[in-house]
Structures are given as C-alpha cells and as structure tokens.
C-alpha cells in the first residue's frame, strides 16, 4: 500500500513515538510510506529518514495557511496516496481538505490522548464537517472512544479502538544496578527510594498534585526523591511550587531526555498524576520495565494499571490519596516487585507494537477485528 501519515511534527512525545514505530513497521513490511509534518519536521524525524522513509515539512504558519494546504495536496498527489492516516485534529483538517478529489481509498484519523476534553474545548466545526470524508476515527482506549462519540459527535459506526503499543523487548527490567546508576546521576544516597514521572510539564500531567503528594509522602518516607523526566511550559511554576512545599532538594527536574529507556529501570515506582490521558506510552514503558505504578483514574490509565495487581489507581487532583498509594507500594518491596512482574507479563501480551500494527493493518484492509 501507499500510506501517508500526516502529523503536526515529530518532536519528542508519545504520539510521535507511536507514529514512528508504526511507520517503520509498515515500511519493513513492504508498504510505501511517507510522513508529512504540518509544521516543522521535528527532532525525531531522523529516525525515519535514516531508514529511507521520506519526511516532509510544510512549515505551516498561524491561522489557516493555504500555502501549507497546497503543499499537502501536492505531496499526496505525488505519492498517489491510497491510505491517508492523520493524527489529531489540525492534521486531519488539512488532510481531509487537501485530499478531496485525489482518489484516496481510505482516510483514517487517530485521536491521541483524548481521555477527556481539555479546558475550554468545544467541538471543532471544521473537524465535525470533515467527518463526512472520514472512514474511521481511532480512539486509543475505551475512554477515548466514549469521548469521541459523546463530546466530538463522531458517529459510533466510525469509531474503533486501537490501543497504543511499544517495543517491549527493548526495555530492561528494574534492577539494583540500574538503581545505583540513577542514584549516582542524581547525586543521592544509594538506598534512596526513587519515584519517577515521565511526561511533558503541562496542564494535562498535573505535576503540581504529584509534588504536593510527594511532600506528604516524605513524612513517612524521608529517604525518597522525586524524579521528573520531561520539560514544558510549567517548569518554572513547578520549580517554585517545590520550593514552597519545602522539597526543592529532593525534586529533580531532569528535563527532556533521550535516554528514558535507560533511566526507567533505576526507579522504584512510576507515578502519573494526569488529569487527562489517552493510552499512555509512559505507562506501557513502565510495565515493560517491570515497575509498579501509581496513576490517576483518567483516560485509559485503568485499562493499563489494574488496581492492586500491577499498581494503584487513585482519583485525580487528590494529593493525600496519591501519597497513600505511593507509600503502600514503597513499604512492601516484595509486593512492589510482584506488581512490576504482573505489569511486565501483561504488556508482553497486550501492549506490544506488533499487536498495534496488526490492528491497524486489519483496519486498512477493511477486516473486522481491528478493535480489541
């Protein structure tokens, strides 16, 4: 098949990682793939171009950019695209308009991270109108499917669920040696209990609740540290909050990292305090690293973390319950290890990139069974 993926960019993030894994697998299977970035190509684009997969950037300007629209149309025509797969709203709007009359066989839109609507979100009038030309809308979890139907007005007959997947085999399980290396990197005592978070520092991740929970946890687990992997617009505000809570010396902002896979096995527990999630790549990676997890009950989190089995699920925006769940994991090492093993066994079976790819292939071919 001639497959074109349209994204905003390929900067570091869960959506972008899913797209790269999907495109590389499709390319390896013999499909003719290309990626069109509506804005810049992004820092991860080389992971495709290094394997001979074309990545083009339209450098879209603010507002409705007809030059970018014309570029997308030209690229689709040149590629003679059969399957046009878009990711999130803006990319889909441009792709749907640009592909009119080109004979594209199928238009698919995946909505990533659509556990709940963001603050102030309303129905996007252009997106709603583009549904008439859209064959399938993919939700990455059951919560996303529900939101697409109830909030975005997408016809239920068009919505399928294809959970994200990762390369499980590329992750090493948590170990004492990895813990020592991470403790050395942070400059903390070797036995310090390390609570980690991976994600952008933005409204959706609600790291403020995690910092407040960590402050409470320190009352019973004084020899602990919070490791924040990722960057974002709220970093300055969160740094000030850590100072106000009196935990500045034990909250480590590592910023955007390219070695997350090496850092994860050094943690004792993976924490996620989000108020909005889709089907989190960070949680899948934590499972692949055999880590127990404490996560909020939003989006698809409870579809990955089974409460009491491979971690705990807690209400969002509740620092006290979040802290209590972290304490429960940290005070029983044997139980924490059992939780990590349960998560690892689950992700090998249900969270692999191979499972995701097979479901998308079935969707492209019009076969039933694309959804779990």
Protein backbone atom coordinates (compact mmCIF):
# COMPACT_ATOMS: atom_id res chain seq x y z
CA UNK A 1 0.00 0.00 0.00
CA UNK A 2 0.97 3.63 -0.46
CA UNK A 3 0.49 5.05 3.04
CA UNK A 4 0.88 8.69 4.08
CA UNK A 5 0.85 9.75 7.73
CA UNK A 6 0.10 13.41 8.48
CA UNK A 7 1.21 14.81 11.85
CA UNK A 8 1.91 18.24 13.29
CA UNK A 9 5.61 17.40 13.80
CA UNK A 10 7.92 14.65 15.01
CA UNK A 11 9.24 16.22 18.18
CA UNK A 12 9.63 14.03 21.25
CA UNK A 13 6.35 12.73 22.69
CA UNK A 14 4.09 9.71 23.00
CA UNK A 15 2.09 10.41 19.83
CA UNK A 16 5.24 10.88 17.81
CA UNK A 17 6.77 7.66 19.17
CA UNK A 18 3.66 5.72 18.16
CA UNK A 19 3.78 7.16 14.65
CA UNK A 20 7.49 6.38 14.21
CA UNK A 21 7.05 2.80 15.41
CA UNK A 22 4.03 2.31 13.15
CA UNK A 23 5.65 3.81 10.04
CA UNK A 24 8.90 1.88 10.46
CA UNK A 25 7.00 -1.38 10.82
CA UNK A 26 4.85 -0.64 7.78
CA UNK A 27 7.95 0.24 5.77
CA UNK A 28 9.64 -3.01 6.85
CA UNK A 29 6.52 -4.93 5.76
CA UNK A 30 6.92 -3.59 2.23
CA UNK A 31 4.47 -0.69 2.22
CA UNK A 32 5.50 2.59 0.58
CA UNK A 33 5.31 5.13 3.40
CA UNK A 34 5.91 8.81 3.80
CA UNK A 35 5.25 11.28 6.60
CA UNK A 36 4.07 14.85 6.13
CA UNK A 37 4.65 17.23 9.06
CA UNK A 38 2.29 20.19 9.03
CA UNK A 39 4.77 22.35 10.94
CA UNK A 40 8.48 21.55 11.34
CA UNK A 41 9.89 18.06 10.80
CA UNK A 42 10.94 17.73 14.45
CA UNK A 43 13.82 16.30 16.43
CA UNK A 44 12.85 12.65 15.87
CA UNK A 45 12.43 12.85 12.09
CA UNK A 46 15.89 11.34 11.55
CA UNK A 47 14.61 8.05 12.99
CA UNK A 48 12.61 7.71 9.77
CA UNK A 49 14.84 9.39 7.22
CA UNK A 50 17.81 7.29 8.38
CA UNK A 51 15.80 4.26 7.21
CA UNK A 52 14.93 5.74 3.82
CA UNK A 53 11.44 6.95 4.75
CA UNK A 54 10.55 10.38 3.39
CA UNK A 55 9.62 13.09 5.89
CA UNK A 56 8.47 16.46 4.53
CA UNK A 57 7.67 19.63 6.46
CA UNK A 58 5.10 22.21 5.38
CA UNK A 59 6.19 24.92 7.88
CA UNK A 60 2.58 25.90 8.49
CA UNK A 61 2.03 29.47 9.63
CA UNK A 62 -0.54 30.58 12.23
CA UNK A 63 -4.17 30.60 11.21
CA UNK A 64 -5.49 28.98 8.06
CA UNK A 65 -2.42 28.57 5.85
CA UNK A 66 -3.46 27.92 2.24
CA UNK A 67 0.17 27.54 1.17
CA UNK A 68 0.56 24.65 3.60
CA UNK A 69 -2.73 23.19 2.37
CA UNK A 70 -1.49 23.33 -1.23
CA UNK A 71 1.79 21.66 -0.21
CA UNK A 72 -0.07 18.81 1.48
CA UNK A 73 -2.22 18.31 -1.62
CA UNK A 74 0.81 18.30 -3.91
CA UNK A 75 2.61 15.72 -1.75
CA UNK A 76 -0.44 13.46 -1.61
CA UNK A 77 -0.83 13.63 -5.38
CA UNK A 78 2.86 12.92 -5.99
CA UNK A 79 2.76 9.92 -3.66
CA UNK A 80 -0.55 8.67 -5.12
CA UNK A 81 -1.60 8.00 -1.56
CA UNK A 82 -4.05 5.14 -1.02
CA UNK A 83 -4.27 5.20 2.80
CA UNK A 84 -4.15 8.64 4.41
CA UNK A 85 -3.66 8.31 8.16
CA UNK A 86 -3.81 11.52 10.21
CA UNK A 87 -3.02 12.13 13.86
CA UNK A 88 -5.12 14.51 15.95
CA UNK A 89 -7.35 17.37 14.86
CA UNK A 90 -5.33 20.00 12.99
CA UNK A 91 -3.51 17.47 10.84
CA UNK A 92 -6.82 15.84 10.00
CA UNK A 93 -8.49 19.08 8.96
CA UNK A 94 -5.73 19.85 6.47
CA UNK A 95 -5.51 16.28 5.19
CA UNK A 96 -9.26 15.92 4.65
CA UNK A 97 -9.44 19.15 2.64
CA UNK A 98 -6.22 18.53 0.71
CA UNK A 99 -7.23 15.02 -0.36
CA UNK A 100 -10.59 15.92 -1.89
CA UNK A 101 -10.85 14.53 -5.41
CA UNK A 102 -7.48 12.74 -5.30
CA UNK A 103 -8.95 9.25 -5.14
CA UNK A 104 -7.59 8.35 -1.73
CA UNK A 105 -9.03 4.94 -0.82
CA UNK A 106 -9.24 5.44 2.95
CA UNK A 107 -8.98 8.37 5.37
CA UNK A 108 -8.23 7.39 8.97
CA UNK A 109 -7.81 9.73 11.94
CA UNK A 110 -6.26 8.67 15.24
CA UNK A 111 -7.05 10.86 18.23
CA UNK A 112 -4.22 10.52 20.73
CA UNK A 113 -4.57 11.46 24.38
CA UNK A 114 -8.32 12.01 24.19
CA UNK A 115 -9.30 10.75 27.63
CA UNK A 116 -11.19 13.97 28.43
CA UNK A 117 -11.71 17.28 26.65
CA UNK A 118 -9.09 19.93 27.54
CA UNK A 119 -10.18 23.08 29.40
CA UNK A 120 -12.31 25.35 27.26
CA UNK A 121 -12.54 22.83 24.42
CA UNK A 122 -15.58 22.89 22.20
CA UNK A 123 -16.49 20.95 19.14
CA UNK A 124 -14.20 21.88 16.29
CA UNK A 125 -16.56 22.88 13.48
CA UNK A 126 -14.06 22.00 10.76
CA UNK A 127 -13.29 18.61 12.29
CA UNK A 128 -17.01 17.80 12.52
CA UNK A 129 -17.51 18.69 8.86
CA UNK A 130 -14.51 16.62 7.81
CA UNK A 131 -16.19 13.54 9.26
CA UNK A 132 -18.22 13.20 6.03
CA UNK A 133 -14.98 12.27 4.21
CA UNK A 134 -13.51 10.23 7.06
CA UNK A 135 -13.79 6.45 7.03
CA UNK A 136 -12.58 5.67 10.54
CA UNK A 137 -11.70 7.55 13.72
CA UNK A 138 -9.42 5.63 16.08
CA UNK A 139 -9.61 6.06 19.83
CA UNK A 140 -6.54 4.73 21.64
CA UNK A 141 -8.60 3.49 24.60
CA UNK A 142 -12.21 2.84 25.56
CA UNK A 143 -12.41 6.19 27.36
CA UNK A 144 -11.28 7.95 24.18
CA UNK A 145 -13.96 6.17 22.16
CA UNK A 146 -16.63 7.34 24.61
CA UNK A 147 -15.33 10.93 24.44
CA UNK A 148 -15.23 10.94 20.63
CA UNK A 149 -18.86 9.90 20.44
CA UNK A 150 -20.29 11.97 23.29
CA UNK A 151 -18.18 15.15 23.07
CA UNK A 152 -16.98 15.34 19.47
CA UNK A 153 -20.13 13.99 17.85
CA UNK A 154 -18.38 11.29 15.81
CA UNK A 155 -20.77 8.57 14.66
CA UNK A 156 -20.31 5.42 16.70
CA UNK A 157 -20.15 3.38 13.49
CA UNK A 158 -16.93 5.17 12.53
CA UNK A 159 -15.10 4.79 15.85
CA UNK A 160 -12.77 1.87 16.55
CA UNK A 161 -10.34 1.28 19.40
CA UNK A 162 -6.69 0.51 18.67
CA UNK A 163 -4.56 0.76 21.83
CA UNK A 164 -1.01 2.02 21.50
CA UNK A 165 1.88 -0.43 21.60
CA UNK A 166 5.60 -0.35 22.30
CA UNK A 167 8.70 -2.45 21.57
CA UNK A 168 8.57 -4.34 24.85
CA UNK A 169 11.77 -6.26 24.13
CA UNK A 170 13.83 -3.04 24.05
CA UNK A 171 13.27 -2.36 27.76
CA UNK A 172 15.32 -3.81 30.60
CA UNK A 173 13.60 -4.73 33.88
CA UNK A 174 14.25 -2.74 37.03
CA UNK A 175 17.46 -3.77 38.78
CA UNK A 176 19.70 -2.85 41.69
CA UNK A 177 22.50 -1.90 39.30
CA UNK A 178 20.26 0.48 37.32
CA UNK A 179 19.09 1.97 40.62
CA UNK A 180 22.69 2.62 41.66
CA UNK A 181 23.45 4.32 38.34
CA UNK A 182 20.44 6.60 38.59
CA UNK A 183 21.20 7.46 42.23
CA UNK A 184 24.71 8.40 41.18
CA UNK A 185 23.36 10.57 38.34
CA UNK A 186 21.06 12.38 40.76
CA UNK A 187 23.74 12.70 43.45
CA UNK A 188 21.62 10.99 46.11
CA UNK A 189 22.37 8.20 48.57
CA UNK A 190 22.33 4.74 47.00
CA UNK A 191 19.38 3.48 49.07
CA UNK A 192 17.12 6.44 48.31
CA UNK A 193 13.65 5.40 47.11
CA UNK A 194 13.18 6.89 43.65
CA UNK A 195 9.72 7.88 42.43
CA UNK A 196 9.71 8.80 38.75
CA UNK A 197 7.43 10.55 36.30
CA UNK A 198 7.80 10.75 32.52
CA UNK A 199 5.89 13.37 30.54
CA UNK A 200 5.57 16.96 29.48
CA UNK A 201 5.26 19.58 32.19
CA UNK A 202 1.87 20.87 31.11
CA UNK A 203 -1.68 21.19 32.44
CA UNK A 204 -2.68 17.64 31.47
CA UNK A 205 0.03 15.97 33.57
CA UNK A 206 -0.85 17.96 36.72
CA UNK A 207 2.63 17.58 38.22
CA UNK A 208 1.59 20.04 40.93
CA UNK A 209 -0.54 17.31 42.52
CA UNK A 210 2.43 14.93 42.38
CA UNK A 211 4.72 17.42 44.12
CA UNK A 212 2.12 18.00 46.85
CA UNK A 213 1.69 14.24 47.25
CA UNK A 214 5.45 13.80 47.45
CA UNK A 215 5.60 16.39 50.24
CA UNK A 216 3.11 14.26 52.22
CA UNK A 217 4.99 11.05 51.42
CA UNK A 218 8.20 12.47 52.86
CA UNK A 219 6.60 12.40 56.31
CA UNK A 220 6.75 8.58 56.28
CA UNK A 221 9.40 8.00 53.61
CA UNK A 222 12.01 10.70 54.32
CA UNK A 223 14.69 8.89 52.31
CA UNK A 224 12.94 9.36 48.98
CA UNK A 225 13.33 11.54 45.88
CA UNK A 226 11.03 12.60 43.05
CA UNK A 227 12.49 12.36 39.53
CA UNK A 228 10.67 14.37 36.84
CA UNK A 229 11.69 13.38 33.31
CA UNK A 230 10.38 15.80 30.70
CA UNK A 231 10.07 19.51 30.10
CA UNK A 232 7.37 22.01 29.33
CA UNK A 233 5.81 25.40 29.81
CA UNK A 234 5.09 24.89 33.53
CA UNK A 235 8.64 24.06 34.61
CA UNK A 236 9.26 27.44 36.25
CA UNK A 237 5.94 27.35 38.09
CA UNK A 238 6.56 23.78 39.30
CA UNK A 239 10.07 24.67 40.46
CA UNK A 240 8.56 27.44 42.57
CA UNK A 241 5.96 25.04 43.96
CA UNK A 242 8.67 22.55 45.01
CA UNK A 243 10.40 25.38 46.82
CA UNK A 244 7.17 26.49 48.51
CA UNK A 245 6.49 22.90 49.64
CA UNK A 246 10.00 22.62 51.07
CA UNK A 247 11.10 19.74 48.82
CA UNK A 248 13.42 21.55 46.41
CA UNK A 249 16.43 19.43 47.37
CA UNK A 250 14.59 16.17 46.72
CA UNK A 251 12.71 17.01 43.50
CA UNK A 252 14.93 16.52 40.46
CA UNK A 253 13.93 18.16 37.16
CA UNK A 254 15.85 16.22 34.51
CA UNK A 255 14.30 17.98 31.52
CA UNK A 256 13.82 16.44 28.09
CA UNK A 257 15.87 13.24 27.86
CA UNK A 258 16.74 10.85 25.08
CA UNK A 259 17.70 8.05 27.48
CA UNK A 260 14.38 7.37 29.21
CA UNK A 261 14.69 3.68 28.43
CA UNK A 262 17.93 3.57 30.45
CA UNK A 263 16.55 5.64 33.33
CA UNK A 264 13.32 3.71 33.96
CA UNK A 265 14.93 0.52 35.40
CA UNK A 266 16.55 2.67 38.09
CA UNK A 267 13.23 3.75 39.58
CA UNK A 268 11.31 2.12 42.44
CA UNK A 269 7.89 3.21 41.18
CA UNK A 270 6.44 5.12 38.20
CA UNK A 271 3.94 7.84 39.13
CA UNK A 272 1.40 9.58 36.88
CA UNK A 273 -0.83 12.35 38.23
CA UNK A 274 -2.54 13.34 34.97
CA UNK A 275 -5.99 14.89 34.69
CA UNK A 276 -6.18 13.85 31.03
CA UNK A 277 -4.65 10.86 29.26
CA UNK A 278 -5.29 8.65 26.30
CA UNK A 279 -3.46 5.33 26.33
CA UNK A 280 -0.18 6.30 27.92
CA UNK A 281 3.10 5.25 26.32
CA UNK A 282 4.84 6.13 29.60
CA UNK A 283 2.71 3.59 31.47
CA UNK A 284 3.36 0.91 28.87
CA UNK A 285 7.09 1.58 29.14
CA UNK A 286 6.89 1.37 32.94
CA UNK A 287 5.22 -2.05 32.60
CA UNK A 288 7.96 -3.14 30.18
CA UNK A 289 10.50 -2.07 32.83
CA UNK A 290 8.68 -4.19 35.45
CA UNK A 291 7.85 -1.16 37.62
CA UNK A 292 4.88 -0.88 39.97
CA UNK A 293 2.71 2.11 39.03
CA UNK A 294 0.59 4.69 40.80
CA UNK A 295 -1.66 6.54 38.33
CA UNK A 296 -4.80 8.64 38.34
CA UNK A 297 -8.11 7.26 37.14
CA UNK A 298 -8.35 9.20 33.87
CA UNK A 299 -8.46 8.19 30.23
CA UNK A 300 -7.10 4.72 29.58
CA UNK A 301 -4.92 4.53 32.72
CA UNK A 302 -7.17 1.97 34.40
CA UNK A 303 -7.04 -0.13 31.22
CA UNK A 304 -3.28 -0.47 31.79
CA UNK A 305 -2.96 -0.34 35.59
CA UNK A 306 -5.14 -2.88 37.37
CA UNK A 307 -5.60 -1.65 40.90
CA UNK A 308 -3.83 -3.91 43.37
CA UNK A 309 -2.33 -6.08 40.61
CA UNK A 310 0.39 -4.05 38.90
CA UNK A 311 -0.08 -0.83 40.83
CA UNK A 312 -2.73 1.51 42.22
CA UNK A 313 -5.33 3.73 40.59
CA UNK A 314 -6.29 6.88 42.52
CA UNK A 315 -8.62 9.84 41.90
CA UNK A 316 -7.11 12.84 40.08
CA UNK A 317 -6.21 16.00 41.99
CA UNK A 318 -6.05 14.21 45.35
CA UNK A 319 -2.54 14.55 46.86
CA UNK A 320 -3.42 12.64 50.03
CA UNK A 321 -4.68 9.51 48.26
CA UNK A 322 -1.82 9.72 45.77
CA UNK A 323 0.69 9.85 48.64
CA UNK A 324 -1.01 6.96 50.44
CA UNK A 325 -0.82 4.81 47.29
CA UNK A 326 2.87 5.59 46.84
CA UNK A 327 3.53 4.72 50.48
CA UNK A 328 1.69 1.41 50.09
CA UNK A 329 3.96 0.45 47.18
CA UNK A 330 7.21 1.58 48.82
CA UNK A 331 6.71 -0.03 52.22
CA UNK A 332 6.49 -3.62 50.87
CA UNK A 333 9.37 -4.33 48.49
CA UNK A 334 8.33 -7.91 47.72
CA UNK A 335 4.80 -6.83 46.82
CA UNK A 336 6.16 -3.99 44.69
CA UNK A 337 8.31 -6.46 42.77
CA UNK A 338 5.30 -8.73 42.26
CA UNK A 339 3.33 -5.79 40.88
CA UNK A 340 6.17 -4.98 38.49
CA UNK A 341 6.26 -8.57 37.23
CA UNK A 342 2.48 -8.58 36.73
CA UNK A 343 2.71 -5.42 34.63
CA UNK A 344 5.53 -6.92 32.56
CA UNK A 345 3.57 -10.11 31.86
CA UNK A 346 0.53 -8.06 30.83
CA UNK A 347 2.36 -5.66 28.48
CA UNK A 348 4.09 -8.52 26.67
CA UNK A 349 0.69 -9.95 25.80
CA UNK A 350 -1.45 -6.87 25.21
CA UNK A 351 0.78 -3.82 24.83
CA UNK A 352 3.25 -4.76 22.11
CA UNK A 353 3.82 -2.73 18.98
CA UNK A 354 3.17 -5.90 16.96
CA UNK A 355 -0.39 -6.10 18.33
CA UNK A 356 -1.00 -2.43 17.49
CA UNK A 357 0.36 -2.80 13.96
CA UNK A 358 -1.77 -5.87 13.26
CA UNK A 359 -4.90 -3.97 14.32
CA UNK A 360 -4.11 -1.01 12.05
CA UNK A 361 -3.37 -3.35 9.16
CA UNK A 362 -6.74 -5.03 9.66
CA UNK A 363 -8.38 -1.60 9.70
CA UNK A 364 -6.67 -0.54 6.45
CA UNK A 365 -7.78 -3.77 4.78
CA UNK A 366 -11.36 -3.36 5.92
CA UNK A 367 -11.31 -6.54 8.01
CA UNK A 368 -13.27 -6.91 11.21
CA UNK A 369 -11.38 -7.39 14.44
CA UNK A 370 -9.40 -4.12 14.27
CA UNK A 371 -10.69 -3.25 17.71
CA UNK A 372 -9.89 -5.32 20.83
